[in-house]
């Protein structure tokens, strides 16, 4: 099973989630999403696997700090998230068939 983690190495929850995945004997593809954010199509795929709208993946404080209005229409919000990846909640773990936000980190175990 292919596993990808959209990771911020400066985030404690993200580091904990990565350790949990590795403890299961899985070596995930690690994407530092601040340096290599998903494009709009990739973010739409992640949202579909999570089963949530874009505003539920938004970090509110960072959105406010970066001028991203949570009331934007879905496609505009996705474009803003691509332009300002710091506003995307983290970490996100993705497999071929599912995704979970690692808050708390143990949540990702459901899909591994």
PDB file of N, CA and C in Angstrom:
ATOM      1  N   UNK A   1       0.849  -1.172   0.000  1.00  0.00           N
ATOM      2  CA  UNK A   1       0.000   0.000   0.000  1.00  0.00           C
ATOM      3  C   UNK A   1       0.896   1.237   0.000  1.00  0.00           C
ATOM      4  N   UNK A   2       0.618   2.143  -0.921  1.00  0.00           N
ATOM      5  CA  UNK A   2       1.350   3.408  -0.981  1.00  0.00           C
ATOM      6  C   UNK A   2       0.754   4.377   0.040  1.00  0.00           C
ATOM      7  N   UNK A   3       1.620   4.987   0.831  1.00  0.00           N
ATOM      8  CA  UNK A   3       1.198   5.949   1.846  1.00  0.00           C
ATOM      9  C   UNK A   3       2.007   7.227   1.651  1.00  0.00           C
ATOM     10  N   UNK A   4       1.302   8.345   1.671  1.00  0.00           N
ATOM     11  CA  UNK A   4       1.931   9.660   1.547  1.00  0.00           C
ATOM     12  C   UNK A   4       1.527  10.492   2.741  1.00  0.00           C
ATOM     13  N   UNK A   5       2.480  11.231   3.296  1.00  0.00           N
ATOM     14  CA  UNK A   5       2.161  12.170   4.358  1.00  0.00           C
ATOM     15  C   UNK A   5       2.541  13.574   3.890  1.00  0.00           C
ATOM     16  N   UNK A   6       1.565  14.461   3.951  1.00  0.00           N
ATOM     17  CA  UNK A   6       1.809  15.881   3.718  1.00  0.00           C
ATOM     18  C   UNK A   6       2.236  16.425   5.069  1.00  0.00           C
ATOM     19  N   UNK A   7       3.504  16.752   5.162  1.00  0.00           N
ATOM     20  CA  UNK A   7       4.204  16.907   6.422  1.00  0.00           C
ATOM     21  C   UNK A   7       4.801  18.303   6.573  1.00  0.00           C
ATOM     22  N   UNK A   8       4.804  18.788   7.805  1.00  0.00           N
ATOM     23  CA  UNK A   8       5.545  19.998   8.163  1.00  0.00           C
ATOM     24  C   UNK A   8       6.506  19.570   9.270  1.00  0.00           C
ATOM     25  N   UNK A   9       7.799  19.483   8.978  1.00  0.00           N
ATOM     26  CA  UNK A   9       8.746  18.985   9.974  1.00  0.00           C
ATOM     27  C   UNK A   9       8.825  19.851  11.230  1.00  0.00           C
ATOM     28  N   UNK A  10       8.326  21.066  11.195  1.00  0.00           N
ATOM     29  CA  UNK A  10       8.344  21.941  12.371  1.00  0.00           C
ATOM     30  C   UNK A  10       7.137  21.717  13.278  1.00  0.00           C
ATOM     31  N   UNK A  11       6.181  20.912  12.831  1.00  0.00           N
ATOM     32  CA  UNK A  11       4.942  20.673  13.576  1.00  0.00           C
ATOM     33  C   UNK A  11       5.049  19.386  14.396  1.00  0.00           C
ATOM     34  N   UNK A  12       4.808  19.498  15.687  1.00  0.00           N
ATOM     35  CA  UNK A  12       4.885  18.335  16.575  1.00  0.00           C
ATOM     36  C   UNK A  12       3.911  17.238  16.196  1.00  0.00           C
ATOM     37  N   UNK A  13       2.665  17.585  15.869  1.00  0.00           N
ATOM     38  CA  UNK A  13       1.669  16.570  15.481  1.00  0.00           C
ATOM     39  C   UNK A  13       2.091  15.865  14.203  1.00  0.00           C
ATOM     40  N   UNK A  14       2.681  16.614  13.300  1.00  0.00           N
ATOM     41  CA  UNK A  14       3.137  16.029  12.051  1.00  0.00           C
ATOM     42  C   UNK A  14       4.284  15.049  12.308  1.00  0.00           C
ATOM     43  N   UNK A  15       5.228  15.422  13.160  1.00  0.00           N
ATOM     44  CA  UNK A  15       6.328  14.521  13.505  1.00  0.00           C
ATOM     45  C   UNK A  15       5.815  13.275  14.215  1.00  0.00           C
ATOM     46  N   UNK A  16       4.849  13.437  15.140  1.00  0.00           N
ATOM     47  CA  UNK A  16       4.272  12.286  15.845  1.00  0.00           C
ATOM     48  C   UNK A  16       3.585  11.338  14.868  1.00  0.00           C
ATOM     49  N   UNK A  17       2.843  11.910  13.929  1.00  0.00           N
ATOM     50  CA  UNK A  17       2.129  11.096  12.946  1.00  0.00           C
ATOM     51  C   UNK A  17       3.108  10.310  12.086  1.00  0.00           C
ATOM     52  N   UNK A  18       4.169  10.948  11.644  1.00  0.00           N
ATOM     53  CA  UNK A  18       5.185  10.268  10.845  1.00  0.00           C
ATOM     54  C   UNK A  18       5.800   9.112  11.642  1.00  0.00           C
ATOM     55  N   UNK A  19       6.088   9.322  12.909  1.00  0.00           N
ATOM     56  CA  UNK A  19       6.650   8.257  13.753  1.00  0.00           C
ATOM     57  C   UNK A  19       5.678   7.083  13.886  1.00  0.00           C
ATOM     58  N   UNK A  20       4.382   7.378  14.035  1.00  0.00           N
ATOM     59  CA  UNK A  20       3.381   6.307  14.126  1.00  0.00           C
ATOM     60  C   UNK A  20       3.356   5.462  12.851  1.00  0.00           C
ATOM     61  N   UNK A  21       3.414   6.118  11.709  1.00  0.00           N
ATOM     62  CA  UNK A  21       3.393   5.402  10.432  1.00  0.00           C
ATOM     63  C   UNK A  21       4.630   4.513  10.329  1.00  0.00           C
ATOM     64  N   UNK A  22       5.778   5.078  10.648  1.00  0.00           N
ATOM     65  CA  UNK A  22       7.021   4.312  10.553  1.00  0.00           C
ATOM     66  C   UNK A  22       7.041   3.162  11.555  1.00  0.00           C
ATOM     67  N   UNK A  23       6.429   3.352  12.726  1.00  0.00           N
ATOM     68  CA  UNK A  23       6.350   2.283  13.732  1.00  0.00           C
ATOM     69  C   UNK A  23       5.522   1.098  13.228  1.00  0.00           C
ATOM     70  N   UNK A  24       4.641   1.338  12.270  1.00  0.00           N
ATOM     71  CA  UNK A  24       3.846   0.259  11.664  1.00  0.00           C
ATOM     72  C   UNK A  24       4.635  -0.457  10.560  1.00  0.00           C
ATOM     73  N   UNK A  25       5.902  -0.066  10.378  1.00  0.00           N
ATOM     74  CA  UNK A  25       6.730  -0.691   9.358  1.00  0.00           C
ATOM     75  C   UNK A  25       6.507  -0.130   7.967  1.00  0.00           C
ATOM     76  N   UNK A  26       5.893   1.027   7.889  1.00  0.00           N
ATOM     77  CA  UNK A  26       5.584   1.656   6.603  1.00  0.00           C
ATOM     78  C   UNK A  26       6.553   2.813   6.389  1.00  0.00           C
ATOM     79  N   UNK A  27       7.110   2.872   5.192  1.00  0.00           N
ATOM     80  CA  UNK A  27       7.954   4.005   4.817  1.00  0.00           C
ATOM     81  C   UNK A  27       7.145   4.869   3.850  1.00  0.00           C
ATOM     82  N   UNK A  28       6.552   5.946   4.355  1.00  0.00           N
ATOM     83  CA  UNK A  28       5.703   6.761   3.498  1.00  0.00           C
ATOM     84  C   UNK A  28       6.511   7.703   2.602  1.00  0.00           C
ATOM     85  N   UNK A  29       5.881   8.139   1.542  1.00  0.00           N
ATOM     86  CA  UNK A  29       6.420   9.264   0.780  1.00  0.00           C
ATOM     87  C   UNK A  29       6.149  10.497   1.634  1.00  0.00           C
ATOM     88  N   UNK A  30       7.171  11.271   1.905  1.00  0.00           N
ATOM     89  CA  UNK A  30       7.033  12.441   2.762  1.00  0.00           C
ATOM     90  C   UNK A  30       7.112  13.688   1.884  1.00  0.00           C
ATOM     91  N   UNK A  31       6.031  14.457   1.902  1.00  0.00           N
ATOM     92  CA  UNK A  31       5.979  15.684   1.123  1.00  0.00           C
ATOM     93  C   UNK A  31       5.919  16.862   2.088  1.00  0.00           C
ATOM     94  N   UNK A  32       6.951  17.690   2.052  1.00  0.00           N
ATOM     95  CA  UNK A  32       6.945  18.924   2.831  1.00  0.00           C
ATOM     96  C   UNK A  32       6.013  19.871   2.081  1.00  0.00           C
ATOM     97  N   UNK A  33       4.763  19.900   2.509  1.00  0.00           N
ATOM     98  CA  UNK A  33       3.737  20.591   1.738  1.00  0.00           C
ATOM     99  C   UNK A  33       3.932  22.104   1.687  1.00  0.00           C
ATOM    100  N   UNK A  34       4.756  22.663   2.555  1.00  0.00           N
ATOM    101  CA  UNK A  34       5.036  24.099   2.470  1.00  0.00           C
ATOM    102  C   UNK A  34       5.987  24.398   1.312  1.00  0.00           C
ATOM    103  N   UNK A  35       6.877  23.451   1.009  1.00  0.00           N
ATOM    104  CA  UNK A  35       7.805  23.611  -0.107  1.00  0.00           C
ATOM    105  C   UNK A  35       7.223  23.080  -1.412  1.00  0.00           C
ATOM    106  N   UNK A  36       6.423  22.024  -1.302  1.00  0.00           N
ATOM    107  CA  UNK A  36       5.826  21.383  -2.476  1.00  0.00           C
ATOM    108  C   UNK A  36       4.332  21.171  -2.213  1.00  0.00           C
ATOM    109  N   UNK A  37       3.541  22.250  -2.296  1.00  0.00           N
ATOM    110  CA  UNK A  37       2.109  22.097  -2.014  1.00  0.00           C
ATOM    111  C   UNK A  37       1.402  21.321  -3.128  1.00  0.00           C
ATOM    112  N   UNK A  38       0.306  20.670  -2.783  1.00  0.00           N
ATOM    113  CA  UNK A  38      -0.466  20.012  -3.839  1.00  0.00           C
ATOM    114  C   UNK A  38      -1.053  21.071  -4.769  1.00  0.00           C
ATOM    115  N   UNK A  39      -1.231  20.695  -6.034  1.00  0.00           N
ATOM    116  CA  UNK A  39      -1.926  21.608  -6.947  1.00  0.00           C
ATOM    117  C   UNK A  39      -3.425  21.494  -6.700  1.00  0.00           C
ATOM    118  N   UNK A  40      -4.212  22.279  -7.412  1.00  0.00           N
ATOM    119  CA  UNK A  40      -5.661  22.294  -7.171  1.00  0.00           C
ATOM    120  C   UNK A  40      -6.276  20.910  -7.370  1.00  0.00           C
ATOM    121  N   UNK A  41      -5.872  20.203  -8.418  1.00  0.00           N
ATOM    122  CA  UNK A  41      -6.430  18.864  -8.665  1.00  0.00           C
ATOM    123  C   UNK A  41      -6.035  17.905  -7.544  1.00  0.00           C
ATOM    124  N   UNK A  42      -4.791  17.977  -7.099  1.00  0.00           N
ATOM    125  CA  UNK A  42      -4.347  17.118  -6.002  1.00  0.00           C
ATOM    126  C   UNK A  42      -5.083  17.420  -4.711  1.00  0.00           C
ATOM    127  N   UNK A  43      -5.301  18.704  -4.440  1.00  0.00           N
ATOM    128  CA  UNK A  43      -6.022  19.083  -3.228  1.00  0.00           C
ATOM    129  C   UNK A  43      -7.483  18.641  -3.302  1.00  0.00           C
ATOM    130  N   UNK A  44      -8.090  18.724  -4.476  1.00  0.00           N
ATOM    131  CA  UNK A  44      -9.468  18.241  -4.631  1.00  0.00           C
ATOM    132  C   UNK A  44      -9.545  16.736  -4.389  1.00  0.00           C
ATOM    133  N   UNK A  45      -8.537  15.994  -4.859  1.00  0.00           N
ATOM    134  CA  UNK A  45      -8.498  14.540  -4.634  1.00  0.00           C
ATOM    135  C   UNK A  45      -8.377  14.242  -3.137  1.00  0.00           C
ATOM    136  N   UNK A  46      -7.497  14.965  -2.452  1.00  0.00           N
ATOM    137  CA  UNK A  46      -7.327  14.780  -1.010  1.00  0.00           C
ATOM    138  C   UNK A  46      -8.627  15.079  -0.283  1.00  0.00           C
ATOM    139  N   UNK A  47      -9.281  16.171  -0.643  1.00  0.00           N
ATOM    140  CA  UNK A  47     -10.552  16.534  -0.007  1.00  0.00           C
ATOM    141  C   UNK A  47     -11.607  15.459  -0.242  1.00  0.00           C
ATOM    142  N   UNK A  48     -11.637  14.898  -1.449  1.00  0.00           N
ATOM    143  CA  UNK A  48     -12.600  13.838  -1.752  1.00  0.00           C
ATOM    144  C   UNK A  48     -12.312  12.603  -0.891  1.00  0.00           C
ATOM    145  N   UNK A  49     -11.035  12.254  -0.738  1.00  0.00           N
ATOM    146  CA  UNK A  49     -10.682  11.104   0.094  1.00  0.00           C
ATOM    147  C   UNK A  49     -10.984  11.365   1.569  1.00  0.00           C
ATOM    148  N   UNK A  50     -10.834  12.618   1.994  1.00  0.00           N
ATOM    149  CA  UNK A  50     -11.182  12.979   3.375  1.00  0.00           C
ATOM    150  C   UNK A  50     -12.694  13.058   3.572  1.00  0.00           C
ATOM    151  N   UNK A  51     -13.414  13.349   2.482  1.00  0.00           N
ATOM    152  CA  UNK A  51     -14.870  13.492   2.563  1.00  0.00           C
ATOM    153  C   UNK A  51     -15.300  14.791   3.241  1.00  0.00           C
ATOM    154  N   UNK A  52     -14.503  15.845   3.048  1.00  0.00           N
ATOM    155  CA  UNK A  52     -14.808  17.135   3.670  1.00  0.00           C
ATOM    156  C   UNK A  52     -14.689  18.261   2.651  1.00  0.00           C
ATOM    157  N   UNK A  53     -15.339  19.390   2.916  1.00  0.00           N
ATOM    158  CA  UNK A  53     -15.141  20.565   2.064  1.00  0.00           C
ATOM    159  C   UNK A  53     -13.826  21.263   2.420  1.00  0.00           C
ATOM    160  N   UNK A  54     -13.352  22.097   1.534  1.00  0.00           N
ATOM    161  CA  UNK A  54     -12.075  22.787   1.729  1.00  0.00           C
ATOM    162  C   UNK A  54     -12.037  23.581   3.027  1.00  0.00           C
ATOM    163  N   UNK A  55     -13.126  24.221   3.402  1.00  0.00           N
ATOM    164  CA  UNK A  55     -13.089  25.061   4.622  1.00  0.00           C
ATOM    165  C   UNK A  55     -12.830  24.231   5.880  1.00  0.00           C
ATOM    166  N   UNK A  56     -13.125  22.922   5.834  1.00  0.00           N
ATOM    167  CA  UNK A  56     -12.844  22.064   6.989  1.00  0.00           C
ATOM    168  C   UNK A  56     -11.368  21.658   7.059  1.00  0.00           C
ATOM    169  N   UNK A  57     -10.605  21.981   6.030  1.00  0.00           N
ATOM    170  CA  UNK A  57      -9.181  21.686   6.011  1.00  0.00           C
ATOM    171  C   UNK A  57      -8.355  22.958   6.242  1.00  0.00           C
ATOM    172  N   UNK A  58      -9.037  24.004   6.590  1.00  0.00           N
ATOM    173  CA  UNK A  58      -8.418  25.316   6.743  1.00  0.00           C
ATOM    174  C   UNK A  58      -7.980  25.563   8.177  1.00  0.00           C
ATOM    175  N   UNK A  59      -6.757  26.007   8.339  1.00  0.00           N
ATOM    176  CA  UNK A  59      -6.261  26.451   9.640  1.00  0.00           C
ATOM    177  C   UNK A  59      -6.713  27.900   9.799  1.00  0.00           C
ATOM    178  N   UNK A  60      -7.613  28.154  10.713  1.00  0.00           N
ATOM    179  CA  UNK A  60      -8.272  29.460  10.827  1.00  0.00           C
ATOM    180  C   UNK A  60      -7.319  30.619  11.082  1.00  0.00           C
ATOM    181  N   UNK A  61      -6.414  30.466  12.040  1.00  0.00           N
ATOM    182  CA  UNK A  61      -5.512  31.576  12.365  1.00  0.00           C
ATOM    183  C   UNK A  61      -4.612  31.911  11.173  1.00  0.00           C
ATOM    184  N   UNK A  62      -4.039  30.880  10.568  1.00  0.00           N
ATOM    185  CA  UNK A  62      -3.170  31.092   9.423  1.00  0.00           C
ATOM    186  C   UNK A  62      -3.953  31.687   8.250  1.00  0.00           C
ATOM    187  N   UNK A  63      -5.201  31.256   8.085  1.00  0.00           N
ATOM    188  CA  UNK A  63      -6.042  31.822   7.027  1.00  0.00           C
ATOM    189  C   UNK A  63      -6.231  33.319   7.262  1.00  0.00           C
ATOM    190  N   UNK A  64      -6.559  33.680   8.476  1.00  0.00           N
ATOM    191  CA  UNK A  64      -6.749  35.094   8.806  1.00  0.00           C
ATOM    192  C   UNK A  64      -5.455  35.872   8.564  1.00  0.00           C
ATOM    193  N   UNK A  65      -4.338  35.317   9.007  1.00  0.00           N
ATOM    194  CA  UNK A  65      -3.043  35.986   8.846  1.00  0.00           C
ATOM    195  C   UNK A  65      -2.650  36.163   7.384  1.00  0.00           C
ATOM    196  N   UNK A  66      -3.160  35.295   6.508  1.00  0.00           N
ATOM    197  CA  UNK A  66      -2.812  35.340   5.090  1.00  0.00           C
ATOM    198  C   UNK A  66      -3.922  35.871   4.202  1.00  0.00           C
ATOM    199  N   UNK A  67      -4.971  36.430   4.824  1.00  0.00           N
ATOM    200  CA  UNK A  67      -6.053  37.042   4.058  1.00  0.00           C
ATOM    201  C   UNK A  67      -6.923  36.060   3.303  1.00  0.00           C
ATOM    202  N   UNK A  68      -7.012  34.836   3.796  1.00  0.00           N
ATOM    203  CA  UNK A  68      -7.856  33.822   3.147  1.00  0.00           C
ATOM    204  C   UNK A  68      -9.182  33.772   3.888  1.00  0.00           C
ATOM    205  N   UNK A  69     -10.243  34.127   3.183  1.00  0.00           N
ATOM    206  CA  UNK A  69     -11.582  34.184   3.764  1.00  0.00           C
ATOM    207  C   UNK A  69     -12.239  32.808   3.706  1.00  0.00           C
ATOM    208  N   UNK A  70     -12.579  32.224   4.862  1.00  0.00           N
ATOM    209  CA  UNK A  70     -13.220  30.900   4.866  1.00  0.00           C
ATOM    210  C   UNK A  70     -14.569  30.870   4.142  1.00  0.00           C
ATOM    211  N   UNK A  71     -15.148  32.035   3.885  1.00  0.00           N
ATOM    212  CA  UNK A  71     -16.445  32.093   3.201  1.00  0.00           C
ATOM    213  C   UNK A  71     -16.314  32.059   1.678  1.00  0.00           C
ATOM    214  N   UNK A  72     -15.105  31.988   1.165  1.00  0.00           N
ATOM    215  CA  UNK A  72     -14.919  31.921  -0.282  1.00  0.00           C
ATOM    216  C   UNK A  72     -15.618  30.687  -0.853  1.00  0.00           C
ATOM    217  N   UNK A  73     -16.058  30.755  -2.109  1.00  0.00           N
ATOM    218  CA  UNK A  73     -16.583  29.554  -2.769  1.00  0.00           C
ATOM    219  C   UNK A  73     -15.496  28.471  -2.815  1.00  0.00           C
ATOM    220  N   UNK A  74     -15.901  27.224  -2.880  1.00  0.00           N
ATOM    221  CA  UNK A  74     -14.997  26.072  -2.801  1.00  0.00           C
ATOM    222  C   UNK A  74     -13.778  26.192  -3.731  1.00  0.00           C
ATOM    223  N   UNK A  75     -13.995  26.444  -5.009  1.00  0.00           N
ATOM    224  CA  UNK A  75     -12.866  26.503  -5.942  1.00  0.00           C
ATOM    225  C   UNK A  75     -11.930  27.662  -5.622  1.00  0.00           C
ATOM    226  N   UNK A  76     -12.466  28.784  -5.183  1.00  0.00           N
ATOM    227  CA  UNK A  76     -11.628  29.922  -4.805  1.00  0.00           C
ATOM    228  C   UNK A  76     -10.839  29.622  -3.535  1.00  0.00           C
ATOM    229  N   UNK A  77     -11.455  28.909  -2.625  1.00  0.00           N
ATOM    230  CA  UNK A  77     -10.774  28.537  -1.386  1.00  0.00           C
ATOM    231  C   UNK A  77      -9.640  27.553  -1.678  1.00  0.00           C
ATOM    232  N   UNK A  78      -9.886  26.611  -2.564  1.00  0.00           N
ATOM    233  CA  UNK A  78      -8.835  25.665  -2.966  1.00  0.00           C
ATOM    234  C   UNK A  78      -7.677  26.419  -3.619  1.00  0.00           C
ATOM    235  N   UNK A  79      -7.977  27.373  -4.491  1.00  0.00           N
ATOM    236  CA  UNK A  79      -6.926  28.171  -5.132  1.00  0.00           C
ATOM    237  C   UNK A  79      -6.121  28.947  -4.091  1.00  0.00           C
ATOM    238  N   UNK A  80      -6.792  29.475  -3.082  1.00  0.00           N
ATOM    239  CA  UNK A  80      -6.109  30.209  -2.014  1.00  0.00           C
ATOM    240  C   UNK A  80      -5.222  29.269  -1.196  1.00  0.00           C
ATOM    241  N   UNK A  81      -5.682  28.045  -0.993  1.00  0.00           N
ATOM    242  CA  UNK A  81      -4.899  27.070  -0.239  1.00  0.00           C
ATOM    243  C   UNK A  81      -3.648  26.656  -1.011  1.00  0.00           C
ATOM    244  N   UNK A  82      -3.766  26.553  -2.304  1.00  0.00           N
ATOM    245  CA  UNK A  82      -2.611  26.229  -3.143  1.00  0.00           C
ATOM    246  C   UNK A  82      -1.614  27.388  -3.113  1.00  0.00           C
ATOM    247  N   UNK A  83      -2.131  28.613  -3.166  1.00  0.00           N
ATOM    248  CA  UNK A  83      -1.268  29.800  -3.149  1.00  0.00           C
ATOM    249  C   UNK A  83      -0.627  30.032  -1.782  1.00  0.00           C
ATOM    250  N   UNK A  84      -1.317  29.638  -0.717  1.00  0.00           N
ATOM    251  CA  UNK A  84      -0.850  29.844   0.656  1.00  0.00           C
ATOM    252  C   UNK A  84      -0.936  28.520   1.420  1.00  0.00           C
ATOM    253  N   UNK A  85      -0.059  27.556   1.154  1.00  0.00           N
ATOM    254  CA  UNK A  85      -0.188  26.226   1.760  1.00  0.00           C
ATOM    255  C   UNK A  85      -0.130  26.230   3.294  1.00  0.00           C
ATOM    256  N   UNK A  86       0.389  27.285   3.890  1.00  0.00           N
ATOM    257  CA  UNK A  86       0.436  27.366   5.354  1.00  0.00           C
ATOM    258  C   UNK A  86      -0.966  27.299   5.962  1.00  0.00           C
ATOM    259  N   UNK A  87      -1.994  27.608   5.177  1.00  0.00           N
ATOM    260  CA  UNK A  87      -3.365  27.597   5.705  1.00  0.00           C
ATOM    261  C   UNK A  87      -3.989  26.199   5.694  1.00  0.00           C
ATOM    262  N   UNK A  88      -3.288  25.218   5.120  1.00  0.00           N
ATOM    263  CA  UNK A  88      -3.802  23.846   5.056  1.00  0.00           C
ATOM    264  C   UNK A  88      -3.491  23.122   6.367  1.00  0.00           C
ATOM    265  N   UNK A  89      -4.512  22.478   6.932  1.00  0.00           N
ATOM    266  CA  UNK A  89      -4.324  21.690   8.153  1.00  0.00           C
ATOM    267  C   UNK A  89      -3.320  20.584   7.892  1.00  0.00           C
ATOM    268  N   UNK A  90      -2.599  20.214   8.924  1.00  0.00           N
ATOM    269  CA  UNK A  90      -1.568  19.193   8.794  1.00  0.00           C
ATOM    270  C   UNK A  90      -1.541  18.311  10.015  1.00  0.00           C
ATOM    271  N   UNK A  91      -0.938  17.166   9.905  1.00  0.00           N
ATOM    272  CA  UNK A  91      -0.513  16.483   8.692  1.00  0.00           C
ATOM    273  C   UNK A  91      -1.696  15.777   8.030  1.00  0.00           C
ATOM    274  N   UNK A  92      -1.542  15.483   6.769  1.00  0.00           N
ATOM    275  CA  UNK A  92      -2.551  14.711   6.040  1.00  0.00           C
ATOM    276  C   UNK A  92      -1.870  13.440   5.548  1.00  0.00           C
ATOM    277  N   UNK A  93      -2.471  12.307   5.843  1.00  0.00           N
ATOM    278  CA  UNK A  93      -1.951  11.018   5.386  1.00  0.00           C
ATOM    279  C   UNK A  93      -2.926  10.486   4.340  1.00  0.00           C
ATOM    280  N   UNK A  94      -2.355  10.074   3.199  1.00  0.00           N
ATOM    281  CA  UNK A  94      -3.164   9.646   2.059  1.00  0.00           C
ATOM    282  C   UNK A  94      -2.715   8.262   1.598  1.00  0.00           C
ATOM    283  N   UNK A  95      -3.705   7.398   1.357  1.00  0.00           N
ATOM    284  CA  UNK A  95      -3.455   6.119   0.695  1.00  0.00           C
ATOM    285  C   UNK A  95      -4.202   6.169  -0.635  1.00  0.00           C
ATOM    286  N   UNK A  96      -4.215   5.061  -1.355  1.00  0.00           N
ATOM    287  CA  UNK A  96      -4.924   5.038  -2.636  1.00  0.00           C
ATOM    288  C   UNK A  96      -6.430   5.201  -2.471  1.00  0.00           C
ATOM    289  N   UNK A  97      -6.952   4.831  -1.301  1.00  0.00           N
ATOM    290  CA  UNK A  97      -8.408   4.812  -1.137  1.00  0.00           C
ATOM    291  C   UNK A  97      -8.949   5.682  -0.006  1.00  0.00           C
ATOM    292  N   UNK A  98      -8.071   6.277   0.790  1.00  0.00           N
ATOM    293  CA  UNK A  98      -8.552   7.052   1.940  1.00  0.00           C
ATOM    294  C   UNK A  98      -7.515   8.079   2.365  1.00  0.00           C
ATOM    295  N   UNK A  99      -7.954   9.003   3.185  1.00  0.00           N
ATOM    296  CA  UNK A  99      -7.053  10.010   3.760  1.00  0.00           C
ATOM    297  C   UNK A  99      -7.564  10.361   5.151  1.00  0.00           C
ATOM    298  N   UNK A 100      -6.649  10.788   6.003  1.00  0.00           N
ATOM    299  CA  UNK A 100      -6.999  11.247   7.346  1.00  0.00           C
ATOM    300  C   UNK A 100      -6.080  12.407   7.731  1.00  0.00           C
ATOM    301  N   UNK A 101      -6.614  13.291   8.532  1.00  0.00           N
ATOM    302  CA  UNK A 101      -5.820  14.357   9.129  1.00  0.00           C
ATOM    303  C   UNK A 101      -5.283  13.801  10.445  1.00  0.00           C
ATOM    304  N   UNK A 102      -4.008  13.968  10.683  1.00  0.00           N
ATOM    305  CA  UNK A 102      -3.376  13.407  11.869  1.00  0.00           C
ATOM    306  C   UNK A 102      -3.550  14.251  13.114  1.00  0.00           C
ATOM    307  N   UNK A 103      -4.772  14.553  13.453  1.00  0.00           N
ATOM    308  CA  UNK A 103      -5.104  15.311  14.667  1.00  0.00           C
ATOM    309  C   UNK A 103      -6.291  14.633  15.324  1.00  0.00           C
ATOM    310  N   UNK A 104      -6.078  13.813  16.302  1.00  0.00           N
ATOM    311  CA  UNK A 104      -4.799  13.397  16.870  1.00  0.00           C
ATOM    312  C   UNK A 104      -4.076  12.429  15.929  1.00  0.00           C
ATOM    313  N   UNK A 105      -2.774  12.242  16.122  1.00  0.00           N
ATOM    314  CA  UNK A 105      -2.000  11.390  15.221  1.00  0.00           C
ATOM    315  C   UNK A 105      -2.574   9.986  15.047  1.00  0.00           C
ATOM    316  N   UNK A 106      -3.147   9.425  16.100  1.00  0.00           N
ATOM    317  CA  UNK A 106      -3.680   8.057  16.032  1.00  0.00           C
ATOM    318  C   UNK A 106      -4.809   7.899  15.013  1.00  0.00           C
ATOM    319  N   UNK A 107      -5.410   8.977  14.598  1.00  0.00           N
ATOM    320  CA  UNK A 107      -6.494   8.934  13.612  1.00  0.00           C
ATOM    321  C   UNK A 107      -6.046   8.261  12.318  1.00  0.00           C
ATOM    322  N   UNK A 108      -4.781   8.442  11.965  1.00  0.00           N
ATOM    323  CA  UNK A 108      -4.314   7.887  10.693  1.00  0.00           C
ATOM    324  C   UNK A 108      -4.229   6.363  10.713  1.00  0.00           C
ATOM    325  N   UNK A 109      -4.187   5.776  11.893  1.00  0.00           N
ATOM    326  CA  UNK A 109      -4.101   4.313  11.981  1.00  0.00           C
ATOM    327  C   UNK A 109      -5.318   3.643  11.361  1.00  0.00           C
ATOM    328  N   UNK A 110      -6.440   4.357  11.294  1.00  0.00           N
ATOM    329  CA  UNK A 110      -7.676   3.805  10.712  1.00  0.00           C
ATOM    330  C   UNK A 110      -7.493   3.396   9.246  1.00  0.00           C
ATOM    331  N   UNK A 111      -6.570   4.034   8.542  1.00  0.00           N
ATOM    332  CA  UNK A 111      -6.441   3.782   7.101  1.00  0.00           C
ATOM    333  C   UNK A 111      -5.183   2.990   6.740  1.00  0.00           C
ATOM    334  N   UNK A 112      -4.389   2.641   7.743  1.00  0.00           N
ATOM    335  CA  UNK A 112      -3.142   1.912   7.465  1.00  0.00           C
ATOM    336  C   UNK A 112      -3.331   0.404   7.574  1.00  0.00           C
TER     337      UNK A 112
END
